PDB file of all heavy atoms in Angstrom:
ATOM      1  N   GLN A   1       0.227 -21.133  -5.031  1.00  0.00           N
ATOM      2  CA  GLN A   1      -0.561 -21.061  -6.262  1.00  0.00           C
ATOM      3  C   GLN A   1      -1.674 -20.036  -6.101  1.00  0.00           C
ATOM      4  O   GLN A   1      -2.222 -19.882  -4.999  1.00  0.00           O
ATOM      5  CB  GLN A   1      -1.158 -22.424  -6.615  1.00  0.00           C
ATOM      6  CG  GLN A   1      -0.171 -23.488  -7.035  1.00  0.00           C
ATOM      7  CD  GLN A   1       0.442 -23.162  -8.403  1.00  0.00           C
ATOM      8  OE1 GLN A   1      -0.217 -22.608  -9.257  1.00  0.00           O
ATOM      9  NE2 GLN A   1       1.679 -23.542  -8.606  1.00  0.00           N
ATOM     10  N   LEU A   2      -1.984 -19.333  -7.180  1.00  0.00           N
ATOM     11  CA  LEU A   2      -3.079 -18.381  -7.214  1.00  0.00           C
ATOM     12  C   LEU A   2      -3.986 -18.696  -8.367  1.00  0.00           C
ATOM     13  O   LEU A   2      -3.543 -18.781  -9.528  1.00  0.00           O
ATOM     14  CB  LEU A   2      -2.533 -16.955  -7.372  1.00  0.00           C
ATOM     15  CG  LEU A   2      -3.561 -15.873  -7.673  1.00  0.00           C
ATOM     16  CD1 LEU A   2      -4.521 -15.694  -6.518  1.00  0.00           C
ATOM     17  CD2 LEU A   2      -2.894 -14.555  -8.007  1.00  0.00           C
ATOM     18  N   ASN A   3      -5.260 -18.924  -8.073  1.00  0.00           N
ATOM     19  CA  ASN A   3      -6.287 -19.111  -9.102  1.00  0.00           C
ATOM     20  C   ASN A   3      -6.962 -17.770  -9.338  1.00  0.00           C
ATOM     21  O   ASN A   3      -7.522 -17.184  -8.408  1.00  0.00           O
ATOM     22  CB  ASN A   3      -7.312 -20.147  -8.687  1.00  0.00           C
ATOM     23  CG  ASN A   3      -6.711 -21.545  -8.643  1.00  0.00           C
ATOM     24  OD1 ASN A   3      -5.770 -21.858  -9.355  1.00  0.00           O
ATOM     25  ND2 ASN A   3      -7.293 -22.413  -7.803  1.00  0.00           N
ATOM     26  N   CYS A   4      -6.909 -17.262 -10.579  1.00  0.00           N
ATOM     27  CA  CYS A   4      -7.520 -15.970 -10.890  1.00  0.00           C
ATOM     28  C   CYS A   4      -8.994 -16.035 -10.573  1.00  0.00           C
ATOM     29  O   CYS A   4      -9.709 -16.914 -11.055  1.00  0.00           O
ATOM     30  CB  CYS A   4      -7.286 -15.629 -12.378  1.00  0.00           C
ATOM     31  SG  CYS A   4      -8.157 -14.111 -12.869  1.00  0.00           S
ATOM     32  N   PRO A   5      -9.501 -15.088  -9.724  1.00  0.00           N
ATOM     33  CA  PRO A   5     -10.938 -15.077  -9.389  1.00  0.00           C
ATOM     34  C   PRO A   5     -11.838 -14.891 -10.584  1.00  0.00           C
ATOM     35  O   PRO A   5     -13.011 -15.213 -10.535  1.00  0.00           O
ATOM     36  CB  PRO A   5     -11.043 -13.900  -8.418  1.00  0.00           C
ATOM     37  CG  PRO A   5      -9.675 -13.727  -7.848  1.00  0.00           C
ATOM     38  CD  PRO A   5      -8.756 -14.071  -8.986  1.00  0.00           C
ATOM     39  N   SER A   6     -11.326 -14.348 -11.709  1.00  0.00           N
ATOM     40  CA  SER A   6     -12.186 -14.106 -12.863  1.00  0.00           C
ATOM     41  C   SER A   6     -12.168 -15.269 -13.852  1.00  0.00           C
ATOM     42  O   SER A   6     -13.231 -15.756 -14.222  1.00  0.00           O
ATOM     43  CB  SER A   6     -11.695 -12.821 -13.602  1.00  0.00           C
ATOM     44  OG  SER A   6     -11.958 -11.692 -12.825  1.00  0.00           O
ATOM     45  N   CYS A   7     -10.947 -15.702 -14.278  1.00  0.00           N
ATOM     46  CA  CYS A   7     -10.890 -16.740 -15.309  1.00  0.00           C
ATOM     47  C   CYS A   7     -10.356 -18.075 -14.793  1.00  0.00           C
ATOM     48  O   CYS A   7     -10.262 -19.030 -15.557  1.00  0.00           O
ATOM     49  CB  CYS A   7     -10.013 -16.266 -16.479  1.00  0.00           C
ATOM     50  SG  CYS A   7      -8.269 -16.040 -16.012  1.00  0.00           S
ATOM     51  N   ARG A   8      -9.981 -18.134 -13.511  1.00  0.00           N
ATOM     52  CA  ARG A   8      -9.458 -19.365 -12.856  1.00  0.00           C
ATOM     53  C   ARG A   8      -8.111 -19.808 -13.392  1.00  0.00           C
ATOM     54  O   ARG A   8      -7.693 -20.934 -13.132  1.00  0.00           O
ATOM     55  CB  ARG A   8     -10.486 -20.490 -12.966  1.00  0.00           C
ATOM     56  CG  ARG A   8     -11.896 -20.183 -12.604  1.00  0.00           C
ATOM     57  CD  ARG A   8     -11.993 -19.528 -11.232  1.00  0.00           C
ATOM     58  NE  ARG A   8     -11.554 -20.449 -10.188  1.00  0.00           N
ATOM     59  CZ  ARG A   8     -11.400 -20.087  -8.904  1.00  0.00           C
ATOM     60  NH1 ARG A   8     -11.604 -18.810  -8.536  1.00  0.00           N
ATOM     61  NH2 ARG A   8     -10.998 -20.956  -8.026  1.00  0.00           N
ATOM     62  N   ALA A   9      -7.429 -18.940 -14.147  1.00  0.00           N
ATOM     63  CA  ALA A   9      -6.088 -19.314 -14.601  1.00  0.00           C
ATOM     64  C   ALA A   9      -5.161 -19.435 -13.400  1.00  0.00           C
ATOM     65  O   ALA A   9      -5.267 -18.703 -12.416  1.00  0.00           O
ATOM     66  CB  ALA A   9      -5.548 -18.216 -15.549  1.00  0.00           C
ATOM     67  N   GLN A  10      -4.244 -20.427 -13.451  1.00  0.00           N
ATOM     68  CA  GLN A  10      -3.337 -20.669 -12.345  1.00  0.00           C
ATOM     69  C   GLN A  10      -2.020 -19.937 -12.529  1.00  0.00           C
ATOM     70  O   GLN A  10      -1.455 -19.934 -13.616  1.00  0.00           O
ATOM     71  CB  GLN A  10      -3.075 -22.188 -12.192  1.00  0.00           C
ATOM     72  CG  GLN A  10      -4.316 -22.954 -11.736  1.00  0.00           C
ATOM     73  CD  GLN A  10      -3.956 -24.398 -11.428  1.00  0.00           C
ATOM     74  OE1 GLN A  10      -2.907 -24.898 -11.828  1.00  0.00           O
ATOM     75  NE2 GLN A  10      -4.852 -25.103 -10.729  1.00  0.00           N
ATOM     76  N   HIS A  11      -1.572 -19.302 -11.463  1.00  0.00           N
ATOM     77  CA  HIS A  11      -0.305 -18.589 -11.464  1.00  0.00           C
ATOM     78  C   HIS A  11       0.520 -18.979 -10.240  1.00  0.00           C
ATOM     79  O   HIS A  11      -0.028 -19.101  -9.140  1.00  0.00           O
ATOM     80  CB  HIS A  11      -0.520 -17.053 -11.485  1.00  0.00           C
ATOM     81  CG  HIS A  11      -1.466 -16.584 -12.502  1.00  0.00           C
ATOM     82  ND1 HIS A  11      -1.161 -16.596 -13.865  1.00  0.00           N
ATOM     83  CD2 HIS A  11      -2.755 -16.106 -12.430  1.00  0.00           C
ATOM     84  CE1 HIS A  11      -2.206 -16.151 -14.546  1.00  0.00           C
ATOM     85  NE2 HIS A  11      -3.173 -15.825 -13.670  1.00  0.00           N
ATOM     86  N   THR A  12       1.810 -19.176 -10.431  1.00  0.00           N
ATOM     87  CA  THR A  12       2.686 -19.502  -9.337  1.00  0.00           C
ATOM     88  C   THR A  12       3.076 -18.226  -8.604  1.00  0.00           C
ATOM     89  O   THR A  12       3.624 -17.305  -9.201  1.00  0.00           O
ATOM     90  CB  THR A  12       3.958 -20.238  -9.835  1.00  0.00           C
ATOM     91  OG1 THR A  12       3.550 -21.426 -10.522  1.00  0.00           O
ATOM     92  CG2 THR A  12       4.878 -20.583  -8.676  1.00  0.00           C
ATOM     93  N   ALA A  13       2.807 -18.177  -7.321  1.00  0.00           N
ATOM     94  CA  ALA A  13       3.142 -16.958  -6.538  1.00  0.00           C
ATOM     95  C   ALA A  13       3.079 -17.253  -5.057  1.00  0.00           C
ATOM     96  O   ALA A  13       2.375 -18.176  -4.630  1.00  0.00           O
ATOM     97  CB  ALA A  13       2.182 -15.841  -6.887  1.00  0.00           C
ATOM     98  N   THR A  14       3.845 -16.494  -4.265  1.00  0.00           N
ATOM     99  CA  THR A  14       3.818 -16.597  -2.822  1.00  0.00           C
ATOM    100  C   THR A  14       3.348 -15.315  -2.172  1.00  0.00           C
ATOM    101  O   THR A  14       3.072 -15.299  -0.996  1.00  0.00           O
ATOM    102  CB  THR A  14       5.210 -16.958  -2.283  1.00  0.00           C
ATOM    103  OG1 THR A  14       6.166 -15.979  -2.714  1.00  0.00           O
ATOM    104  CG2 THR A  14       5.647 -18.342  -2.757  1.00  0.00           C
ATOM    105  N   ALA A  15       3.306 -14.235  -2.932  1.00  0.00           N
ATOM    106  CA  ALA A  15       2.869 -12.942  -2.401  1.00  0.00           C
ATOM    107  C   ALA A  15       2.404 -12.054  -3.523  1.00  0.00           C
ATOM    108  O   ALA A  15       2.850 -12.206  -4.675  1.00  0.00           O
ATOM    109  CB  ALA A  15       4.010 -12.255  -1.625  1.00  0.00           C
ATOM    110  N   ALA A  16       1.540 -11.105  -3.215  1.00  0.00           N
ATOM    111  CA  ALA A  16       0.971 -10.192  -4.225  1.00  0.00           C
ATOM    112  C   ALA A  16       2.071  -9.316  -4.832  1.00  0.00           C
ATOM    113  O   ALA A  16       1.964  -8.882  -5.961  1.00  0.00           O
ATOM    114  CB  ALA A  16      -0.113  -9.308  -3.621  1.00  0.00           C
ATOM    115  N   THR A  17       3.136  -9.076  -4.064  1.00  0.00           N
ATOM    116  CA  THR A  17       4.211  -8.195  -4.558  1.00  0.00           C
ATOM    117  C   THR A  17       4.922  -8.764  -5.774  1.00  0.00           C
ATOM    118  O   THR A  17       5.718  -8.070  -6.397  1.00  0.00           O
ATOM    119  CB  THR A  17       5.240  -7.926  -3.442  1.00  0.00           C
ATOM    120  OG1 THR A  17       5.686  -9.176  -2.898  1.00  0.00           O
ATOM    121  CG2 THR A  17       4.578  -7.089  -2.333  1.00  0.00           C
ATOM    122  N   GLN A  18       4.710 -10.069  -6.084  1.00  0.00           N
ATOM    123  CA  GLN A  18       5.338 -10.651  -7.282  1.00  0.00           C
ATOM    124  C   GLN A  18       4.657 -10.203  -8.575  1.00  0.00           C
ATOM    125  O   GLN A  18       5.217 -10.416  -9.655  1.00  0.00           O
ATOM    126  CB  GLN A  18       5.302 -12.198  -7.160  1.00  0.00           C
ATOM    127  CG  GLN A  18       6.170 -12.744  -6.046  1.00  0.00           C
ATOM    128  CD  GLN A  18       6.099 -14.284  -5.965  1.00  0.00           C
ATOM    129  OE1 GLN A  18       5.762 -14.822  -4.961  1.00  0.00           O
ATOM    130  NE2 GLN A  18       6.412 -14.929  -7.043  1.00  0.00           N
ATOM    131  N   PHE A  19       3.456  -9.634  -8.450  1.00  0.00           N
ATOM    132  CA  PHE A  19       2.750  -9.187  -9.625  1.00  0.00           C
ATOM    133  C   PHE A  19       2.921  -7.667  -9.773  1.00  0.00           C
ATOM    134  O   PHE A  19       2.919  -6.928  -8.795  1.00  0.00           O
ATOM    135  CB  PHE A  19       1.256  -9.534  -9.523  1.00  0.00           C
ATOM    136  CG  PHE A  19       1.020 -11.014  -9.398  1.00  0.00           C
ATOM    137  CD1 PHE A  19       0.632 -11.572  -8.198  1.00  0.00           C
ATOM    138  CD2 PHE A  19       1.188 -11.860 -10.496  1.00  0.00           C
ATOM    139  CE1 PHE A  19       0.403 -12.929  -8.072  1.00  0.00           C
ATOM    140  CE2 PHE A  19       0.990 -13.225 -10.370  1.00  0.00           C
ATOM    141  CZ  PHE A  19       0.587 -13.750  -9.174  1.00  0.00           C
ATOM    142  N   PRO A  20       3.059  -7.155 -11.020  1.00  0.00           N
ATOM    143  CA  PRO A  20       3.317  -5.715 -11.245  1.00  0.00           C
ATOM    144  C   PRO A  20       2.143  -4.849 -10.837  1.00  0.00           C
ATOM    145  O   PRO A  20       0.983  -5.216 -11.025  1.00  0.00           O
ATOM    146  CB  PRO A  20       3.630  -5.652 -12.736  1.00  0.00           C
ATOM    147  CG  PRO A  20       2.890  -6.807 -13.314  1.00  0.00           C
ATOM    148  CD  PRO A  20       2.993  -7.913 -12.282  1.00  0.00           C
ATOM    149  N   ILE A  21       2.451  -3.651 -10.337  1.00  0.00           N
ATOM    150  CA  ILE A  21       1.428  -2.681  -9.998  1.00  0.00           C
ATOM    151  C   ILE A  21       0.828  -2.151 -11.303  1.00  0.00           C
ATOM    152  O   ILE A  21       1.526  -1.901 -12.268  1.00  0.00           O
ATOM    153  CB  ILE A  21       2.046  -1.513  -9.205  1.00  0.00           C
ATOM    154  CG1 ILE A  21       2.545  -2.029  -7.829  1.00  0.00           C
ATOM    155  CG2 ILE A  21       1.018  -0.370  -8.983  1.00  0.00           C
ATOM    156  CD1 ILE A  21       3.354  -1.016  -7.065  1.00  0.00           C
ATOM    157  N   SER A  22      -0.499  -1.966 -11.333  1.00  0.00           N
ATOM    158  CA  SER A  22      -1.165  -1.418 -12.502  1.00  0.00           C
ATOM    159  C   SER A  22      -1.096   0.114 -12.451  1.00  0.00           C
ATOM    160  O   SER A  22      -2.006   0.779 -11.978  1.00  0.00           O
ATOM    161  CB  SER A  22      -2.629  -1.895 -12.548  1.00  0.00           C
ATOM    162  OG  SER A  22      -3.264  -1.327 -13.683  1.00  0.00           O
ATOM    163  N   TYR A  23       0.033   0.635 -12.975  1.00  0.00           N
ATOM    164  CA  TYR A  23       0.174   2.091 -12.942  1.00  0.00           C
ATOM    165  C   TYR A  23      -0.889   2.754 -13.842  1.00  0.00           C
ATOM    166  O   TYR A  23      -1.328   3.883 -13.548  1.00  0.00           O
ATOM    167  CB  TYR A  23       1.582   2.472 -13.408  1.00  0.00           C
ATOM    168  CG  TYR A  23       2.658   2.022 -12.447  1.00  0.00           C
ATOM    169  CD1 TYR A  23       3.432   0.926 -12.708  1.00  0.00           C
ATOM    170  CD2 TYR A  23       2.867   2.729 -11.259  1.00  0.00           C
ATOM    171  CE1 TYR A  23       4.441   0.505 -11.813  1.00  0.00           C
ATOM    172  CE2 TYR A  23       3.858   2.332 -10.380  1.00  0.00           C
ATOM    173  CZ  TYR A  23       4.650   1.249 -10.656  1.00  0.00           C
ATOM    174  OH  TYR A  23       5.610   0.844  -9.794  1.00  0.00           O
ATOM    175  N   GLY A  24      -1.272   2.092 -14.901  1.00  0.00           N
ATOM    176  CA  GLY A  24      -2.293   2.664 -15.760  1.00  0.00           C
ATOM    177  C   GLY A  24      -3.625   2.826 -15.027  1.00  0.00           C
ATOM    178  O   GLY A  24      -4.281   3.841 -15.158  1.00  0.00           O
ATOM    179  N   MET A  25      -4.010   1.824 -14.218  1.00  0.00           N
ATOM    180  CA  MET A  25      -5.233   1.893 -13.433  1.00  0.00           C
ATOM    181  C   MET A  25      -5.144   3.020 -12.418  1.00  0.00           C
ATOM    182  O   MET A  25      -6.080   3.778 -12.213  1.00  0.00           O
ATOM    183  CB  MET A  25      -5.487   0.555 -12.711  1.00  0.00           C
ATOM    184  CG  MET A  25      -6.700   0.565 -11.801  1.00  0.00           C
ATOM    185  SD  MET A  25      -8.243   0.855 -12.703  1.00  0.00           S
ATOM    186  CE  MET A  25      -8.456  -0.723 -13.531  1.00  0.00           C
ATOM    187  N   GLU A  26      -3.962   3.153 -11.748  1.00  0.00           N
ATOM    188  CA  GLU A  26      -3.794   4.202 -10.771  1.00  0.00           C
ATOM    189  C   GLU A  26      -3.916   5.590 -11.416  1.00  0.00           C
ATOM    190  O   GLU A  26      -4.529   6.514 -10.816  1.00  0.00           O
ATOM    191  CB  GLU A  26      -2.467   4.047 -10.070  1.00  0.00           C
ATOM    192  CG  GLU A  26      -2.395   2.835  -9.142  1.00  0.00           C
ATOM    193  CD  GLU A  26      -1.135   2.789  -8.307  1.00  0.00           C
ATOM    194  OE1 GLU A  26      -0.142   3.418  -8.673  1.00  0.00           O
ATOM    195  OE2 GLU A  26      -1.159   2.144  -7.251  1.00  0.00           O
ATOM    196  N   ALA A  27      -3.351   5.734 -12.593  1.00  0.00           N
ATOM    197  CA  ALA A  27      -3.455   7.003 -13.300  1.00  0.00           C
ATOM    198  C   ALA A  27      -4.915   7.296 -13.675  1.00  0.00           C
ATOM    199  O   ALA A  27      -5.387   8.434 -13.573  1.00  0.00           O
ATOM    200  CB  ALA A  27      -2.581   6.995 -14.558  1.00  0.00           C
ATOM    201  N   PHE A  28      -5.635   6.244 -14.081  1.00  0.00           N
ATOM    202  CA  PHE A  28      -7.045   6.389 -14.440  1.00  0.00           C
ATOM    203  C   PHE A  28      -7.856   6.825 -13.218  1.00  0.00           C
ATOM    204  O   PHE A  28      -8.729   7.700 -13.302  1.00  0.00           O
ATOM    205  CB  PHE A  28      -7.582   5.060 -14.995  1.00  0.00           C
ATOM    206  CG  PHE A  28      -9.061   5.053 -15.253  1.00  0.00           C
ATOM    207  CD1 PHE A  28      -9.614   5.781 -16.308  1.00  0.00           C
ATOM    208  CD2 PHE A  28      -9.923   4.326 -14.430  1.00  0.00           C
ATOM    209  CE1 PHE A  28     -10.971   5.784 -16.531  1.00  0.00           C
ATOM    210  CE2 PHE A  28     -11.273   4.327 -14.667  1.00  0.00           C
ATOM    211  CZ  PHE A  28     -11.808   5.045 -15.709  1.00  0.00           C
ATOM    212  N   ILE A  29      -7.596   6.222 -12.050  1.00  0.00           N
ATOM    213  CA  ILE A  29      -8.316   6.580 -10.826  1.00  0.00           C
ATOM    214  C   ILE A  29      -8.027   8.025 -10.423  1.00  0.00           C
ATOM    215  O   ILE A  29      -8.925   8.763 -10.028  1.00  0.00           O
ATOM    216  CB  ILE A  29      -7.918   5.610  -9.693  1.00  0.00           C
ATOM    217  CG1 ILE A  29      -8.463   4.183 -10.026  1.00  0.00           C
ATOM    218  CG2 ILE A  29      -8.522   6.078  -8.373  1.00  0.00           C
ATOM    219  CD1 ILE A  29      -7.966   3.146  -9.045  1.00  0.00           C
ATOM    220  N   ARG A  30      -6.743   8.417 -10.554  1.00  0.00           N
ATOM    221  CA  ARG A  30      -6.408   9.801 -10.237  1.00  0.00           C
ATOM    222  C   ARG A  30      -7.168  10.777 -11.161  1.00  0.00           C
ATOM    223  O   ARG A  30      -7.613  11.836 -10.750  1.00  0.00           O
ATOM    224  CB  ARG A  30      -4.900  10.028 -10.334  1.00  0.00           C
ATOM    225  CG  ARG A  30      -4.129   9.419  -9.200  1.00  0.00           C
ATOM    226  CD  ARG A  30      -2.706   9.986  -9.172  1.00  0.00           C
ATOM    227  NE  ARG A  30      -1.945   9.615 -10.330  1.00  0.00           N
ATOM    228  CZ  ARG A  30      -1.250   8.469 -10.424  1.00  0.00           C
ATOM    229  NH1 ARG A  30      -1.220   7.632  -9.400  1.00  0.00           N
ATOM    230  NH2 ARG A  30      -0.583   8.210 -11.515  1.00  0.00           N
ATOM    231  N   LYS A  31      -7.279  10.388 -12.408  1.00  0.00           N
ATOM    232  CA  LYS A  31      -7.979  11.219 -13.378  1.00  0.00           C
ATOM    233  C   LYS A  31      -9.470  11.319 -13.015  1.00  0.00           C
ATOM    234  O   LYS A  31     -10.078  12.402 -13.072  1.00  0.00           O
ATOM    235  CB  LYS A  31      -7.842  10.659 -14.779  1.00  0.00           C
ATOM    236  CG  LYS A  31      -8.487  11.510 -15.882  1.00  0.00           C
ATOM    237  CD  LYS A  31      -8.206  10.942 -17.251  1.00  0.00           C
ATOM    238  CE  LYS A  31      -8.845  11.825 -18.342  1.00  0.00           C
ATOM    239  NZ  LYS A  31      -8.592  11.283 -19.688  1.00  0.00           N
ATOM    240  N   LEU A  32     -10.085  10.192 -12.591  1.00  0.00           N
ATOM    241  CA  LEU A  32     -11.463  10.214 -12.157  1.00  0.00           C
ATOM    242  C   LEU A  32     -11.657  11.112 -10.960  1.00  0.00           C
ATOM    243  O   LEU A  32     -12.613  11.916 -10.896  1.00  0.00           O
ATOM    244  CB  LEU A  32     -11.927   8.777 -11.793  1.00  0.00           C
ATOM    245  CG  LEU A  32     -12.219   7.823 -12.946  1.00  0.00           C
ATOM    246  CD1 LEU A  32     -12.655   6.471 -12.400  1.00  0.00           C
ATOM    247  CD2 LEU A  32     -13.316   8.388 -13.880  1.00  0.00           C
ATOM    248  N   LYS A  33     -10.751  11.024 -10.001  1.00  0.00           N
ATOM    249  CA  LYS A  33     -10.843  11.857  -8.803  1.00  0.00           C
ATOM    250  C   LYS A  33     -10.714  13.340  -9.168  1.00  0.00           C
ATOM    251  O   LYS A  33     -11.400  14.184  -8.609  1.00  0.00           O
ATOM    252  CB  LYS A  33      -9.791  11.476  -7.781  1.00  0.00           C
ATOM    253  CG  LYS A  33     -10.021  10.100  -7.154  1.00  0.00           C
ATOM    254  CD  LYS A  33      -8.942   9.816  -6.140  1.00  0.00           C
ATOM    255  CE  LYS A  33      -9.209   8.439  -5.488  1.00  0.00           C
ATOM    256  NZ  LYS A  33      -8.145   8.090  -4.515  1.00  0.00           N
ATOM    257  N   GLY A  34      -9.829  13.626 -10.118  1.00  0.00           N
ATOM    258  CA  GLY A  34      -9.657  15.013 -10.556  1.00  0.00           C
ATOM    259  C   GLY A  34     -10.928  15.550 -11.200  1.00  0.00           C
ATOM    260  O   GLY A  34     -11.289  16.701 -11.027  1.00  0.00           O
ATOM    261  N   MET A  35     -11.598  14.693 -11.977  1.00  0.00           N
ATOM    262  CA  MET A  35     -12.846  15.137 -12.627  1.00  0.00           C
ATOM    263  C   MET A  35     -13.939  15.407 -11.610  1.00  0.00           C
ATOM    264  O   MET A  35     -14.766  16.282 -11.793  1.00  0.00           O
ATOM    265  CB  MET A  35     -13.322  14.066 -13.641  1.00  0.00           C
ATOM    266  CG  MET A  35     -12.385  13.884 -14.821  1.00  0.00           C
ATOM    267  SD  MET A  35     -12.840  12.490 -15.872  1.00  0.00           S
ATOM    268  CE  MET A  35     -14.445  13.029 -16.424  1.00  0.00           C
ATOM    269  N   GLU A  36     -13.954  14.654 -10.499  1.00  0.00           N
ATOM    270  CA  GLU A  36     -14.983  14.827  -9.487  1.00  0.00           C
ATOM    271  C   GLU A  36     -14.853  16.134  -8.719  1.00  0.00           C
ATOM    272  O   GLU A  36     -15.845  16.694  -8.267  1.00  0.00           O
ATOM    273  CB  GLU A  36     -14.967  13.637  -8.517  1.00  0.00           C
ATOM    274  CG  GLU A  36     -15.352  12.331  -9.191  1.00  0.00           C
ATOM    275  CD  GLU A  36     -15.147  11.144  -8.252  1.00  0.00           C
ATOM    276  OE1 GLU A  36     -14.635  11.401  -7.141  1.00  0.00           O
ATOM    277  OE2 GLU A  36     -15.488  10.021  -8.603  1.00  0.00           O
ATOM    278  N   VAL A  37     -13.622  16.614  -8.547  1.00  0.00           N
ATOM    279  CA  VAL A  37     -13.435  17.792  -7.707  1.00  0.00           C
ATOM    280  C   VAL A  37     -13.389  19.080  -8.508  1.00  0.00           C
ATOM    281  O   VAL A  37     -13.303  20.157  -7.936  1.00  0.00           O
ATOM    282  CB  VAL A  37     -12.148  17.645  -6.902  1.00  0.00           C
ATOM    283  CG1 VAL A  37     -12.196  16.436  -6.023  1.00  0.00           C
ATOM    284  CG2 VAL A  37     -10.917  17.588  -7.808  1.00  0.00           C
ATOM    285  N   VAL A  38     -13.387  19.016  -9.849  1.00  0.00           N
ATOM    286  CA  VAL A  38     -13.351  20.240 -10.647  1.00  0.00           C
ATOM    287  C   VAL A  38     -14.678  20.950 -10.573  1.00  0.00           C
ATOM    288  O   VAL A  38     -15.725  20.394 -10.898  1.00  0.00           O
ATOM    289  CB  VAL A  38     -13.026  19.900 -12.141  1.00  0.00           C
ATOM    290  CG1 VAL A  38     -13.168  21.173 -12.981  1.00  0.00           C
ATOM    291  CG2 VAL A  38     -11.647  19.337 -12.232  1.00  0.00           C
ATOM    292  N   PRO A  39     -14.772  22.188 -10.079  1.00  0.00           N
ATOM    293  CA  PRO A  39     -16.038  22.918  -9.952  1.00  0.00           C
ATOM    294  C   PRO A  39     -16.591  23.330 -11.312  1.00  0.00           C
ATOM    295  O   PRO A  39     -15.836  23.577 -12.246  1.00  0.00           O
ATOM    296  CB  PRO A  39     -15.677  24.139  -9.095  1.00  0.00           C
ATOM    297  CG  PRO A  39     -14.218  24.363  -9.400  1.00  0.00           C
ATOM    298  CD  PRO A  39     -13.646  22.971  -9.598  1.00  0.00           C
ATOM    299  N   VAL A  40     -17.921  23.418 -11.401  1.00  0.00           N
ATOM    300  CA  VAL A  40     -18.558  23.857 -12.620  1.00  0.00           C
ATOM    301  C   VAL A  40     -18.613  25.376 -12.605  1.00  0.00           C
ATOM    302  O   VAL A  40     -19.191  25.978 -11.711  1.00  0.00           O
ATOM    303  CB  VAL A  40     -19.969  23.262 -12.734  1.00  0.00           C
ATOM    304  CG1 VAL A  40     -20.653  23.774 -14.007  1.00  0.00           C
ATOM    305  CG2 VAL A  40     -19.928  21.731 -12.735  1.00  0.00           C
ATOM    306  N   LYS A  41     -18.062  25.988 -13.647  1.00  0.00           N
ATOM    307  CA  LYS A  41     -18.030  27.448 -13.706  1.00  0.00           C
ATOM    308  C   LYS A  41     -19.220  27.935 -14.543  1.00  0.00           C
ATOM    309  O   LYS A  41     -19.440  27.486 -15.657  1.00  0.00           O
ATOM    310  CB  LYS A  41     -16.716  27.912 -14.344  1.00  0.00           C
ATOM    311  CG  LYS A  41     -15.487  27.542 -13.527  1.00  0.00           C
ATOM    312  CD  LYS A  41     -14.235  28.035 -14.201  1.00  0.00           C
ATOM    313  CE  LYS A  41     -13.016  27.663 -13.385  1.00  0.00           C
ATOM    314  NZ  LYS A  41     -11.743  28.114 -14.006  1.00  0.00           N
ATOM    315  N   THR A  42     -19.965  28.869 -13.970  1.00  0.00           N
ATOM    316  CA  THR A  42     -21.130  29.401 -14.654  1.00  0.00           C
ATOM    317  C   THR A  42     -20.774  30.629 -15.505  1.00  0.00           C
ATOM    318  O   THR A  42     -21.468  30.935 -16.447  1.00  0.00           O
ATOM    319  CB  THR A  42     -22.203  29.766 -13.622  1.00  0.00           C
ATOM    320  OG1 THR A  42     -21.668  30.704 -12.676  1.00  0.00           O
ATOM    321  CG2 THR A  42     -22.660  28.524 -12.883  1.00  0.00           C
ATOM    322  N   VAL A  43     -19.714  31.321 -15.113  1.00  0.00           N
ATOM    323  CA  VAL A  43     -19.304  32.495 -15.871  1.00  0.00           C
ATOM    324  C   VAL A  43     -17.809  32.413 -16.084  1.00  0.00           C
ATOM    325  O   VAL A  43     -17.084  31.824 -15.259  1.00  0.00           O
ATOM    326  CB  VAL A  43     -19.675  33.800 -15.116  1.00  0.00           C
ATOM    327  CG1 VAL A  43     -21.166  33.954 -15.013  1.00  0.00           C
ATOM    328  CG2 VAL A  43     -19.038  33.818 -13.749  1.00  0.00           C
ATOM    329  N   PRO A  44     -17.334  32.942 -17.194  1.00  0.00           N
ATOM    330  CA  PRO A  44     -15.883  32.934 -17.432  1.00  0.00           C
ATOM    331  C   PRO A  44     -15.134  33.661 -16.332  1.00  0.00           C
ATOM    332  O   PRO A  44     -15.483  34.808 -15.992  1.00  0.00           O
ATOM    333  CB  PRO A  44     -15.733  33.627 -18.794  1.00  0.00           C
ATOM    334  CG  PRO A  44     -17.062  33.520 -19.411  1.00  0.00           C
ATOM    335  CD  PRO A  44     -18.057  33.562 -18.306  1.00  0.00           C
ATOM    336  N   THR A  45     -14.177  33.049 -15.789  1.00  0.00           N
ATOM    337  CA  THR A  45     -13.343  33.644 -14.760  1.00  0.00           C
ATOM    338  C   THR A  45     -11.887  33.365 -15.045  1.00  0.00           C
ATOM    339  O   THR A  45     -11.567  32.426 -15.754  1.00  0.00           O
ATOM    340  CB  THR A  45     -13.678  33.096 -13.341  1.00  0.00           C
ATOM    341  OG1 THR A  45     -13.468  31.698 -13.338  1.00  0.00           O
ATOM    342  CG2 THR A  45     -15.134  33.406 -12.980  1.00  0.00           C
ATOM    343  N   LYS A  46     -11.046  34.157 -14.471  1.00  0.00           N
ATOM    344  CA  LYS A  46      -9.630  33.918 -14.636  1.00  0.00           C
ATOM    345  C   LYS A  46      -9.191  32.704 -13.841  1.00  0.00           C
ATOM    346  O   LYS A  46      -9.740  32.470 -12.746  1.00  0.00           O
ATOM    347  CB  LYS A  46      -8.839  35.136 -14.172  1.00  0.00           C
ATOM    348  CG  LYS A  46      -9.088  36.373 -15.019  1.00  0.00           C
ATOM    349  CD  LYS A  46      -8.212  37.535 -14.552  1.00  0.00           C
ATOM    350  CE  LYS A  46      -8.437  38.755 -15.467  1.00  0.00           C
ATOM    351  NZ  LYS A  46      -7.583  39.887 -14.998  1.00  0.00           N
ATOM    352  N   PRO A  47      -8.298  31.889 -14.332  1.00  0.00           N
ATOM    353  CA  PRO A  47      -7.833  30.694 -13.600  1.00  0.00           C
ATOM    354  C   PRO A  47      -7.274  31.087 -12.244  1.00  0.00           C
ATOM    355  O   PRO A  47      -6.610  32.107 -12.083  1.00  0.00           O
ATOM    356  CB  PRO A  47      -6.723  30.118 -14.519  1.00  0.00           C
ATOM    357  CG  PRO A  47      -7.020  30.696 -15.859  1.00  0.00           C
ATOM    358  CD  PRO A  47      -7.599  32.045 -15.627  1.00  0.00           C
TER     359      PRO A  47
END
């Protein structure tokens, strides 16, 4: 049994792999990382 740490809802499970991966969250994190590494350009330059 798994009690959700946030809402305490009970879910039947024996391993984390039974729950789907949050691909949307992973895509969001990749987007955040991409925004952090993009340099600020002071003058127009060619890509």
